[in-house]
Amino acid sequence: MKHRSEEVFLWAEQKETFDKENRLASKRIKSYNLKVKKGGFTMSYFKHLELLPPDPILSLTWAFKKEKNPKKVDLSVGIYHNVNLDKEILKCVKKSEEALLKLEIDKAYLPVEGNPVFIKDTERLLFGKALADELEGRIIGAQAPGGTGALRIGGEFLKYSGLENIVFPSPTWANHPTIFNRCKMKADFYPYYSTETNSLEFDKMIAHLKTLPKKTVVLLHACCHNPTGCDLSKEQWNDVLAVVKKNGLVPFFDSAYQGLGDNLEDDAYGVRLFARSGIEMVVAYSFSKTLGLYGERTGAVFVILSSEKVAKNAATNLKLIIRGNYSNPPRHGGAIASYIFNHPELTNMWKAELSAMQRRITEMRHLFTTKLIDAAKIVDYRHIQDRKGMFCYTGLRKQQVARLKEEYGIYMPGSGRVNVTGLNEDNVHYVVDAIIDVTEKS
């Protein structure tokens, strides 16, 4: 214990230091104000920046948390919710982490391109083992910080390689234009889905793709189109491939939901069809939804090249882009995935859990659609039944969405896109009654 006199001395010493710092700070402020008055000091190099609105989807999460309505329902952000509307960790992930806790011996950096085992595992999952073996030498891959990181690295690689133009389906995931604009690519859209008829505009899509100049990058949703849930059929994928090949276009697939549409094989149909065709292409892959590794930022980017020589050179350029961006990817998510994929009992557990998620998505969409059709007298909601994955467009207008939020505490983006896993048997009647109220009783 310090003596009283010692405490007083220490307090006095600290006060003297504190007072000295205050005097210096006061002197700096006076000097700053003098320079501003004289016009000899630039107040800010950033005063031209405008206040931007919050992210239209992510901001709904925070607003929902503050919502006072006890019956509130969150149909906004794309996170899978179980039957109790909880955001759960998959059992296979927990078991993988338990094992890794015992096995991990350091936290050293990964190679620039990431964990080679994870990259190979993801490649085989996406393309299938036989096709992955066929592509050996012509395909390069890298682990990335989530699907967003994979899209960004893919975009920078394309821009660095001299490919400047990219087109997205209209509508597309809200972050796509932002990502590729930041890559300094020139972005545009092609017709994909009509919000008037709630249907795919395939003929318009094909006609537009035929007008695109050679070397245009075409972004394609591999499955479970976000935000509409409206996917291409196998026959339509074949037609798109024919146009892409004939016109010298460059496909860029965004694959974030493999296994949540139909199954692991069918959801990869478009990607594998294009990969077998011999054309050059890019794929961004995400494990956020399919393994529930949202915050672990676990993804990968793949580029298929025309020859082994081109691929070898391209790999060095891809690494340079990564090195100048985030240097190397985070370890934990990739380690979780690889441990699961290299232990059959955990692989089987994951496939069972993924199938259960897919079934719940399908069942909730069917229940939601059935209840809407039974209750609606004016609006036709049959289109929702045919959609795939977590998302679908309801056909609701912006003002109707605003009323749902204000009057019922039901949250969704202004487009009327809903995440069907925000529904369960307890709240679906409340949501359907609210939708009928804002669409047919106003």
Protein backbone atom coordinates (compact mmCIF):
# COMPACT_ATOMS: atom_id res chain seq x y z
CA MET A 1 0.00 0.00 0.00
CA LYS A 2 1.26 3.46 -0.89
CA HIS A 3 1.74 6.01 1.88
CA ARG A 4 -0.57 9.04 1.81
CA SER A 5 2.30 11.39 1.02
CA GLU A 6 3.33 9.18 -1.91
CA GLU A 7 -0.22 9.17 -3.29
CA VAL A 8 -0.37 12.96 -3.07
CA PHE A 9 2.96 13.23 -4.87
CA LEU A 10 1.82 10.90 -7.70
CA TRP A 11 -1.45 12.75 -8.04
CA ALA A 12 0.40 16.08 -8.22
CA GLU A 13 2.78 14.70 -10.83
CA GLN A 14 -0.08 13.38 -12.97
CA LYS A 15 -1.95 16.67 -12.63
CA GLU A 16 1.12 18.61 -13.71
CA THR A 17 1.47 16.40 -16.80
CA PHE A 18 -2.24 16.72 -17.51
CA ASP A 19 -2.14 20.52 -17.17
CA LYS A 20 0.92 20.71 -19.42
CA GLU A 21 -0.85 18.69 -22.14
CA ASN A 22 -3.91 20.91 -21.81
CA ARG A 23 -1.80 24.04 -22.24
CA LEU A 24 -0.14 22.60 -25.35
CA ALA A 25 -3.50 21.53 -26.77
CA SER A 26 -4.92 24.99 -26.14
CA LYS A 27 -1.93 26.56 -27.89
CA ARG A 28 -2.43 24.27 -30.92
CA ILE A 29 -6.14 25.15 -31.13
CA LYS A 30 -5.38 28.91 -31.01
CA SER A 31 -2.76 28.46 -33.75
CA TYR A 32 -5.21 26.45 -35.86
CA ASN A 33 -7.97 29.07 -35.48
CA LEU A 34 -5.56 31.88 -36.40
CA LYS A 35 -4.50 30.08 -39.58
CA VAL A 36 -8.13 29.44 -40.53
CA LYS A 37 -8.99 33.11 -40.06
CA LYS A 38 -6.07 34.16 -42.21
CA GLY A 39 -7.08 31.70 -44.91
CA GLY A 40 -3.66 30.06 -44.79
CA PHE A 41 -4.82 26.66 -43.60
CA THR A 42 -6.85 24.03 -45.41
CA MET A 43 -9.57 22.84 -43.05
CA SER A 44 -10.16 19.49 -44.80
CA TYR A 45 -9.18 17.66 -47.94
CA PHE A 46 -12.39 15.65 -47.65
CA LYS A 47 -15.06 18.33 -47.27
CA HIS A 48 -16.32 17.58 -50.79
CA LEU A 49 -17.50 14.12 -49.70
CA GLU A 50 -21.27 13.83 -49.42
CA LEU A 51 -23.21 12.03 -46.71
CA LEU A 52 -24.29 8.74 -48.28
CA PRO A 53 -27.36 6.73 -47.31
CA PRO A 54 -26.88 3.50 -45.31
CA ASP A 55 -26.82 0.15 -47.10
CA PRO A 56 -30.48 -0.48 -48.06
CA ILE A 57 -30.44 -4.12 -46.88
CA LEU A 58 -27.90 -4.31 -44.05
CA SER A 59 -29.41 -1.24 -42.39
CA LEU A 60 -32.68 -3.16 -42.02
CA THR A 61 -30.97 -5.51 -39.56
CA TRP A 62 -30.28 -2.68 -37.11
CA ALA A 63 -33.71 -1.17 -37.60
CA PHE A 64 -35.31 -4.56 -36.95
CA LYS A 65 -33.42 -4.93 -33.66
CA LYS A 66 -34.92 -1.64 -32.47
CA GLU A 67 -38.44 -2.54 -33.60
CA LYS A 68 -40.88 -2.54 -30.65
CA ASN A 69 -43.66 -4.61 -32.27
CA PRO A 70 -43.73 -7.99 -30.45
CA LYS A 71 -44.94 -9.68 -33.64
CA LYS A 72 -42.08 -8.29 -35.77
CA VAL A 73 -40.75 -10.46 -38.63
CA ASP A 74 -37.37 -10.16 -40.39
CA LEU A 75 -37.50 -11.16 -44.07
CA SER A 76 -34.55 -8.98 -45.11
CA VAL A 77 -30.87 -9.96 -44.86
CA GLY A 78 -29.80 -13.22 -46.50
CA ILE A 79 -28.97 -15.34 -43.48
CA TYR A 80 -30.54 -18.77 -43.06
CA HIS A 81 -32.91 -19.11 -40.09
CA ASN A 82 -33.97 -22.48 -38.72
CA VAL A 83 -37.55 -23.44 -37.83
CA ASN A 84 -37.26 -21.44 -34.59
CA LEU A 85 -35.93 -18.46 -36.59
CA ASP A 86 -32.51 -18.80 -34.97
CA LYS A 87 -29.19 -18.27 -36.77
CA GLU A 88 -27.56 -21.57 -35.88
CA ILE A 89 -24.06 -23.00 -36.33
CA LEU A 90 -24.09 -26.27 -38.27
CA LYS A 91 -23.22 -29.34 -36.19
CA CYS A 92 -20.53 -30.38 -38.69
CA VAL A 93 -18.92 -26.95 -38.31
CA LYS A 94 -18.87 -27.22 -34.52
CA LYS A 95 -17.29 -30.68 -34.67
CA SER A 96 -14.70 -29.44 -37.17
CA GLU A 97 -13.80 -26.52 -34.89
CA GLU A 98 -13.46 -28.83 -31.89
CA ALA A 99 -10.97 -30.95 -33.81
CA LEU A 100 -9.07 -27.93 -35.16
CA LEU A 101 -8.71 -26.53 -31.65
CA LYS A 102 -6.64 -29.58 -30.75
CA LEU A 103 -4.75 -29.81 -34.06
CA GLU A 104 -3.85 -26.18 -34.76
CA ILE A 105 -0.25 -25.39 -33.78
CA ASP A 106 0.17 -21.81 -35.03
CA LYS A 107 -1.53 -18.80 -36.58
CA ALA A 108 0.99 -18.31 -39.38
CA TYR A 109 0.10 -16.65 -42.68
CA LEU A 110 -1.38 -18.77 -45.43
CA PRO A 111 0.22 -18.62 -48.89
CA VAL A 112 -0.93 -15.66 -50.99
CA GLU A 113 -3.43 -17.87 -52.86
CA GLY A 114 -4.64 -19.49 -49.63
CA ASN A 115 -4.90 -23.03 -48.30
CA PRO A 116 -4.19 -25.37 -51.25
CA VAL A 117 -6.26 -28.18 -49.70
CA PHE A 118 -9.26 -25.88 -49.32
CA ILE A 119 -8.89 -24.65 -52.90
CA LYS A 120 -8.81 -28.19 -54.30
CA ASP A 121 -11.74 -29.29 -52.10
CA THR A 122 -13.84 -26.34 -53.28
CA GLU A 123 -12.88 -26.95 -56.90
CA ARG A 124 -14.07 -30.56 -56.70
CA LEU A 125 -17.28 -29.59 -54.96
CA LEU A 126 -18.10 -26.95 -57.58
CA PHE A 127 -17.00 -28.72 -60.75
CA GLY A 128 -17.21 -32.34 -59.65
CA LYS A 129 -14.10 -34.50 -59.27
CA ALA A 130 -14.05 -35.84 -62.86
CA LEU A 131 -14.34 -32.40 -64.46
CA ALA A 132 -11.87 -30.88 -61.97
CA ASP A 133 -9.36 -33.54 -63.02
CA GLU A 134 -10.01 -32.74 -66.69
CA LEU A 135 -9.34 -29.05 -66.04
CA GLU A 136 -6.06 -29.77 -64.24
CA GLY A 137 -3.43 -27.35 -65.49
CA ARG A 138 -5.95 -24.98 -67.09
CA ILE A 139 -7.69 -23.88 -63.91
CA ILE A 140 -6.24 -21.59 -61.26
CA GLY A 141 -7.86 -20.92 -57.90
CA ALA A 142 -7.44 -18.80 -54.81
CA GLN A 143 -9.07 -18.66 -51.40
CA ALA A 144 -10.84 -15.35 -50.81
CA PRO A 145 -12.52 -13.41 -47.97
CA GLY A 146 -16.04 -14.61 -48.75
CA GLY A 147 -17.92 -14.47 -52.02
CA THR A 148 -17.59 -10.69 -52.07
CA GLY A 149 -13.80 -10.93 -51.87
CA ALA A 150 -13.84 -13.53 -54.64
CA LEU A 151 -15.91 -11.24 -56.88
CA ARG A 152 -13.59 -8.32 -56.19
CA ILE A 153 -10.41 -10.28 -56.94
CA GLY A 154 -12.01 -11.73 -60.07
CA GLY A 155 -13.03 -8.25 -61.18
CA GLU A 156 -9.59 -6.78 -60.60
CA PHE A 157 -8.02 -9.69 -62.48
CA LEU A 158 -10.31 -9.07 -65.47
CA LYS A 159 -9.63 -5.33 -65.46
CA TYR A 160 -5.87 -5.93 -65.11
CA SER A 161 -6.12 -8.32 -68.08
CA GLY A 162 -7.73 -5.64 -70.27
CA LEU A 163 -11.40 -6.67 -69.96
CA GLU A 164 -13.29 -3.50 -69.02
CA ASN A 165 -16.99 -4.06 -69.70
CA ILE A 166 -19.32 -6.12 -67.53
CA VAL A 167 -23.09 -6.63 -67.62
CA PHE A 168 -25.37 -7.85 -64.82
CA PRO A 169 -28.85 -9.35 -64.93
CA SER A 170 -31.58 -6.85 -64.11
CA PRO A 171 -32.19 -7.14 -61.23
CA THR A 172 -29.09 -8.51 -59.49
CA TRP A 173 -27.57 -8.59 -56.00
CA ALA A 174 -27.35 -4.96 -54.89
CA ASN A 175 -23.60 -5.19 -54.18
CA HIS A 176 -22.58 -6.41 -57.66
CA PRO A 177 -22.44 -2.95 -59.32
CA THR A 178 -20.54 -1.49 -56.34
CA ILE A 179 -17.90 -4.23 -56.41
CA PHE A 180 -17.16 -3.97 -60.11
CA ASN A 181 -17.32 -0.17 -60.19
CA ARG A 182 -14.57 -0.27 -57.55
CA CYS A 183 -12.63 -2.48 -59.97
CA LYS A 184 -12.92 0.41 -62.47
CA MET A 185 -14.97 -1.72 -64.84
CA LYS A 186 -17.77 -0.23 -66.95
CA ALA A 187 -20.99 -1.78 -65.70
CA ASP A 188 -24.34 -2.18 -67.42
CA PHE A 189 -27.36 -4.50 -67.28
CA TYR A 190 -29.13 -7.04 -69.47
CA PRO A 191 -32.85 -7.94 -69.25
CA TYR A 192 -33.52 -10.88 -66.95
CA TYR A 193 -36.71 -10.58 -64.91
CA SER A 194 -39.91 -8.59 -65.32
CA THR A 195 -41.40 -7.16 -62.13
CA GLU A 196 -44.59 -6.44 -64.08
CA THR A 197 -45.26 -10.06 -65.04
CA ASN A 198 -43.11 -11.68 -62.31
CA SER A 199 -41.41 -13.87 -64.89
CA LEU A 200 -38.09 -14.50 -66.62
CA GLU A 201 -37.47 -12.37 -69.71
CA PHE A 202 -35.39 -15.01 -71.45
CA ASP A 203 -36.02 -13.94 -75.05
CA LYS A 204 -35.03 -10.36 -74.23
CA MET A 205 -31.99 -11.65 -72.35
CA ILE A 206 -30.75 -13.67 -75.33
CA ALA A 207 -31.46 -10.84 -77.77
CA HIS A 208 -29.47 -8.41 -75.62
CA LEU A 209 -26.52 -10.77 -75.15
CA LYS A 210 -26.29 -11.07 -78.95
CA THR A 211 -25.71 -7.30 -79.22
CA LEU A 212 -22.79 -7.19 -76.79
CA PRO A 213 -19.31 -6.55 -78.19
CA LYS A 214 -16.67 -9.24 -77.99
CA LYS A 215 -14.83 -9.55 -74.64
CA THR A 216 -17.80 -8.25 -72.63
CA VAL A 217 -17.96 -9.99 -69.25
CA VAL A 218 -21.40 -11.45 -68.49
CA LEU A 219 -22.19 -12.02 -64.82
CA LEU A 220 -24.39 -15.08 -64.29
CA HIS A 221 -25.98 -16.38 -61.10
CA ALA A 222 -25.11 -20.07 -60.91
CA CYS A 223 -28.33 -20.95 -59.03
CA CYS A 224 -30.90 -19.49 -56.61
CA HIS A 225 -30.84 -16.10 -58.32
CA ASN A 226 -30.54 -13.26 -55.83
CA PRO A 227 -32.93 -11.45 -55.48
CA THR A 228 -35.67 -13.10 -57.57
CA GLY A 229 -35.09 -16.84 -57.02
CA CYS A 230 -35.85 -17.25 -60.73
CA ASP A 231 -33.31 -19.60 -62.35
CA LEU A 232 -32.57 -20.70 -65.90
CA SER A 233 -33.60 -24.18 -67.02
CA LYS A 234 -31.00 -26.60 -68.39
CA GLU A 235 -32.20 -25.90 -71.92
CA GLN A 236 -31.86 -22.16 -71.37
CA TRP A 237 -28.33 -22.60 -69.99
CA ASN A 238 -27.46 -24.34 -73.27
CA ASP A 239 -28.87 -21.43 -75.27
CA VAL A 240 -26.89 -18.88 -73.23
CA LEU A 241 -23.69 -20.88 -73.73
CA ALA A 242 -24.22 -20.90 -77.51
CA VAL A 243 -24.50 -17.08 -77.59
CA VAL A 244 -21.51 -16.60 -75.25
CA LYS A 245 -19.31 -18.83 -77.42
CA LYS A 246 -20.41 -17.35 -80.74
CA ASN A 247 -20.03 -13.74 -79.60
CA GLY A 248 -16.74 -14.17 -77.71
CA LEU A 249 -18.21 -13.14 -74.35
CA VAL A 250 -16.59 -13.94 -70.99
CA PRO A 251 -18.83 -15.62 -68.39
CA PHE A 252 -18.37 -14.75 -64.73
CA PHE A 253 -20.42 -17.01 -62.43
CA ASP A 254 -21.43 -16.03 -58.91
CA SER A 255 -22.07 -19.26 -56.99
CA ALA A 256 -23.24 -18.69 -53.42
CA TYR A 257 -26.05 -21.22 -52.90
CA GLN A 258 -24.97 -24.61 -54.28
CA GLY A 259 -27.21 -27.23 -52.67
CA LEU A 260 -29.94 -24.84 -51.52
CA GLY A 261 -31.84 -24.82 -54.82
CA ASP A 262 -32.33 -28.43 -55.93
CA ASN A 263 -29.20 -30.30 -54.86
CA LEU A 264 -25.39 -30.10 -55.07
CA GLU A 265 -25.24 -31.58 -58.58
CA ASP A 266 -28.12 -29.81 -60.34
CA ASP A 267 -27.25 -26.44 -58.80
CA ALA A 268 -23.84 -26.62 -60.49
CA TYR A 269 -25.25 -27.49 -63.93
CA GLY A 270 -24.61 -24.13 -65.59
CA VAL A 271 -21.08 -23.76 -64.22
CA ARG A 272 -20.10 -27.28 -65.27
CA LEU A 273 -21.71 -26.93 -68.70
CA PHE A 274 -19.66 -23.82 -69.46
CA ALA A 275 -16.48 -25.31 -67.95
CA ARG A 276 -16.74 -28.36 -70.25
CA SER A 277 -17.18 -26.17 -73.33
CA GLY A 278 -13.53 -25.11 -73.47
CA ILE A 279 -14.16 -21.36 -73.06
CA GLU A 280 -12.33 -19.13 -70.59
CA MET A 281 -14.38 -18.13 -67.56
CA VAL A 282 -14.34 -16.94 -63.94
CA VAL A 283 -16.27 -18.26 -60.93
CA ALA A 284 -16.69 -16.67 -57.50
CA TYR A 285 -17.71 -19.12 -54.79
CA SER A 286 -19.06 -18.59 -51.26
CA PHE A 287 -19.56 -20.84 -48.21
CA SER A 288 -21.51 -18.20 -46.26
CA LYS A 289 -24.90 -19.82 -46.78
CA THR A 290 -24.07 -23.46 -47.48
CA LEU A 291 -21.81 -23.92 -44.44
CA GLY A 292 -23.17 -21.00 -42.44
CA LEU A 293 -19.70 -19.40 -42.36
CA TYR A 294 -21.02 -15.85 -42.77
CA GLY A 295 -18.65 -14.03 -40.44
CA GLU A 296 -15.70 -16.30 -41.22
CA ARG A 297 -15.58 -14.82 -44.76
CA THR A 298 -14.89 -18.08 -46.59
CA GLY A 299 -14.88 -18.14 -50.39
CA ALA A 300 -12.81 -18.86 -53.47
CA VAL A 301 -12.24 -17.56 -56.98
CA PHE A 302 -11.46 -19.78 -59.98
CA VAL A 303 -10.31 -18.86 -63.48
CA ILE A 304 -10.37 -21.36 -66.34
CA LEU A 305 -7.83 -20.51 -69.05
CA SER A 306 -7.28 -21.70 -72.62
CA SER A 307 -3.99 -23.54 -71.99
CA GLU A 308 -1.59 -24.58 -69.25
CA LYS A 309 0.92 -21.92 -70.30
CA VAL A 310 -1.68 -19.15 -70.10
CA ALA A 311 -2.87 -20.51 -66.74
CA LYS A 312 0.66 -20.57 -65.32
CA ASN A 313 1.23 -16.94 -66.26
CA ALA A 314 -2.24 -15.90 -65.11
CA ALA A 315 -1.68 -17.47 -61.68
CA THR A 316 1.27 -15.18 -61.00
CA ASN A 317 -0.81 -12.15 -61.93
CA LEU A 318 -3.71 -13.27 -59.75
CA LYS A 319 -1.31 -13.63 -56.81
CA LEU A 320 0.05 -10.13 -57.40
CA ILE A 321 -3.48 -8.70 -57.26
CA ILE A 322 -4.19 -10.54 -54.01
CA ARG A 323 -0.86 -9.49 -52.51
CA GLY A 324 -1.67 -5.84 -53.18
CA ASN A 325 -5.18 -6.21 -51.79
CA TYR A 326 -5.27 -8.23 -48.55
CA SER A 327 -1.92 -10.08 -48.84
CA ASN A 328 -3.37 -13.49 -47.94
CA PRO A 329 -6.78 -14.76 -46.82
CA PRO A 330 -8.07 -15.56 -43.32
CA ARG A 331 -7.34 -19.11 -42.16
CA HIS A 332 -10.16 -20.31 -39.96
CA GLY A 333 -13.12 -20.68 -42.34
CA GLY A 334 -11.09 -22.51 -44.97
CA ALA A 335 -9.68 -24.85 -42.32
CA ILE A 336 -13.21 -25.64 -41.10
CA ALA A 337 -14.40 -26.45 -44.63
CA SER A 338 -11.39 -28.58 -45.51
CA TYR A 339 -11.61 -30.60 -42.29
CA ILE A 340 -15.27 -31.35 -43.07
CA PHE A 341 -14.57 -32.33 -46.68
CA ASN A 342 -11.68 -34.62 -45.71
CA HIS A 343 -13.54 -36.57 -43.03
CA PRO A 344 -16.36 -38.66 -44.52
CA GLU A 345 -18.49 -38.69 -41.38
CA LEU A 346 -18.47 -34.87 -41.29
CA THR A 347 -19.03 -34.64 -45.05
CA ASN A 348 -22.12 -36.83 -44.70
CA MET A 349 -23.28 -34.80 -41.71
CA TRP A 350 -22.91 -31.59 -43.75
CA LYS A 351 -24.82 -33.02 -46.72
CA ALA A 352 -27.65 -34.07 -44.39
CA GLU A 353 -27.76 -30.64 -42.77
CA LEU A 354 -27.65 -28.91 -46.16
CA SER A 355 -30.51 -31.10 -47.42
CA ALA A 356 -32.53 -30.24 -44.32
CA MET A 357 -31.97 -26.54 -44.99
CA GLN A 358 -33.04 -26.98 -48.62
CA ARG A 359 -36.19 -28.85 -47.57
CA ARG A 360 -37.15 -26.17 -45.06
CA ILE A 361 -36.68 -23.46 -47.70
CA THR A 362 -38.86 -25.38 -50.17
CA GLU A 363 -41.54 -26.17 -47.57
CA MET A 364 -41.76 -22.58 -46.34
CA ARG A 365 -42.02 -21.21 -49.86
CA HIS A 366 -44.82 -23.70 -50.59
CA LEU A 367 -46.68 -22.79 -47.38
CA PHE A 368 -46.21 -19.06 -47.97
CA THR A 369 -47.49 -19.35 -51.55
CA THR A 370 -50.44 -21.54 -50.62
CA LYS A 371 -51.58 -19.14 -47.88
CA LEU A 372 -51.23 -16.13 -50.19
CA ILE A 373 -53.15 -17.79 -53.04
CA ASP A 374 -55.94 -18.83 -50.69
CA ALA A 375 -56.26 -15.34 -49.19
CA ALA A 376 -55.71 -13.13 -52.24
CA LYS A 377 -58.60 -12.03 -54.45
CA ILE A 378 -56.77 -9.54 -56.68
CA VAL A 379 -53.03 -10.40 -56.83
CA ASP A 380 -51.69 -13.66 -58.31
CA TYR A 381 -48.85 -15.11 -56.21
CA ARG A 382 -48.38 -18.42 -58.03
CA HIS A 383 -44.98 -17.33 -59.38
CA ILE A 384 -43.42 -17.62 -55.90
CA GLN A 385 -43.93 -21.40 -55.86
CA ASP A 386 -41.55 -21.94 -58.82
CA ARG A 387 -38.62 -20.04 -57.35
CA LYS A 388 -35.48 -21.59 -55.87
CA GLY A 389 -33.27 -20.78 -52.91
CA MET A 390 -33.76 -18.42 -50.00
CA PHE A 391 -35.09 -15.45 -51.96
CA CYS A 392 -38.05 -14.53 -54.10
CA TYR A 393 -39.80 -11.40 -55.34
CA THR A 394 -43.28 -11.04 -53.92
CA GLY A 395 -44.39 -8.39 -56.39
CA LEU A 396 -44.97 -5.89 -53.57
CA ARG A 397 -44.38 -2.23 -54.38
CA LYS A 398 -42.20 0.15 -52.38
CA GLN A 399 -45.13 1.90 -50.65
CA GLN A 400 -46.62 -1.45 -49.67
CA VAL A 401 -43.27 -2.58 -48.23
CA ALA A 402 -43.10 0.68 -46.25
CA ARG A 403 -46.57 0.05 -44.80
CA LEU A 404 -45.62 -3.49 -43.79
CA LYS A 405 -42.70 -2.09 -41.84
CA GLU A 406 -44.52 0.83 -40.25
CA GLU A 407 -47.83 -0.88 -39.44
CA TYR A 408 -46.81 -4.50 -38.85
CA GLY A 409 -43.09 -4.57 -38.05
CA ILE A 410 -42.43 -6.77 -41.10
CA TYR A 411 -39.05 -5.96 -42.66
CA MET A 412 -37.93 -6.55 -46.26
CA PRO A 413 -36.04 -4.51 -48.90
CA GLY A 414 -37.99 -1.94 -50.89
CA SER A 415 -38.00 -4.27 -53.89
CA GLY A 416 -40.35 -6.66 -52.09
CA ARG A 417 -37.73 -9.39 -52.02
CA VAL A 418 -38.15 -11.77 -49.10
CA ASN A 419 -35.92 -14.31 -47.37
CA VAL A 420 -38.38 -17.18 -46.89
CA THR A 421 -36.38 -18.62 -43.97
CA GLY A 422 -37.63 -15.67 -41.94
CA LEU A 423 -40.98 -17.47 -41.99
CA ASN A 424 -42.23 -20.39 -39.95
CA GLU A 425 -45.62 -21.90 -39.15
CA ASP A 426 -46.08 -19.47 -36.26
CA ASN A 427 -45.65 -16.21 -38.18
CA VAL A 428 -46.63 -17.02 -41.77
CA HIS A 429 -50.34 -16.30 -41.13
CA TYR A 430 -49.48 -12.89 -39.65
CA VAL A 431 -47.29 -12.03 -42.65
CA VAL A 432 -49.87 -13.20 -45.21
CA ASP A 433 -52.69 -11.25 -43.49
CA ALA A 434 -50.49 -8.13 -43.45
CA ILE A 435 -49.65 -8.48 -47.14
CA ILE A 436 -53.31 -8.91 -48.06
CA ASP A 437 -54.15 -5.83 -46.00
CA VAL A 438 -51.63 -3.54 -47.74
CA THR A 439 -52.37 -4.88 -51.23
CA GLU A 440 -56.10 -5.50 -51.33
CA LYS A 441 -57.75 -3.52 -48.53
CA SER A 442 -56.22 -0.08 -49.03
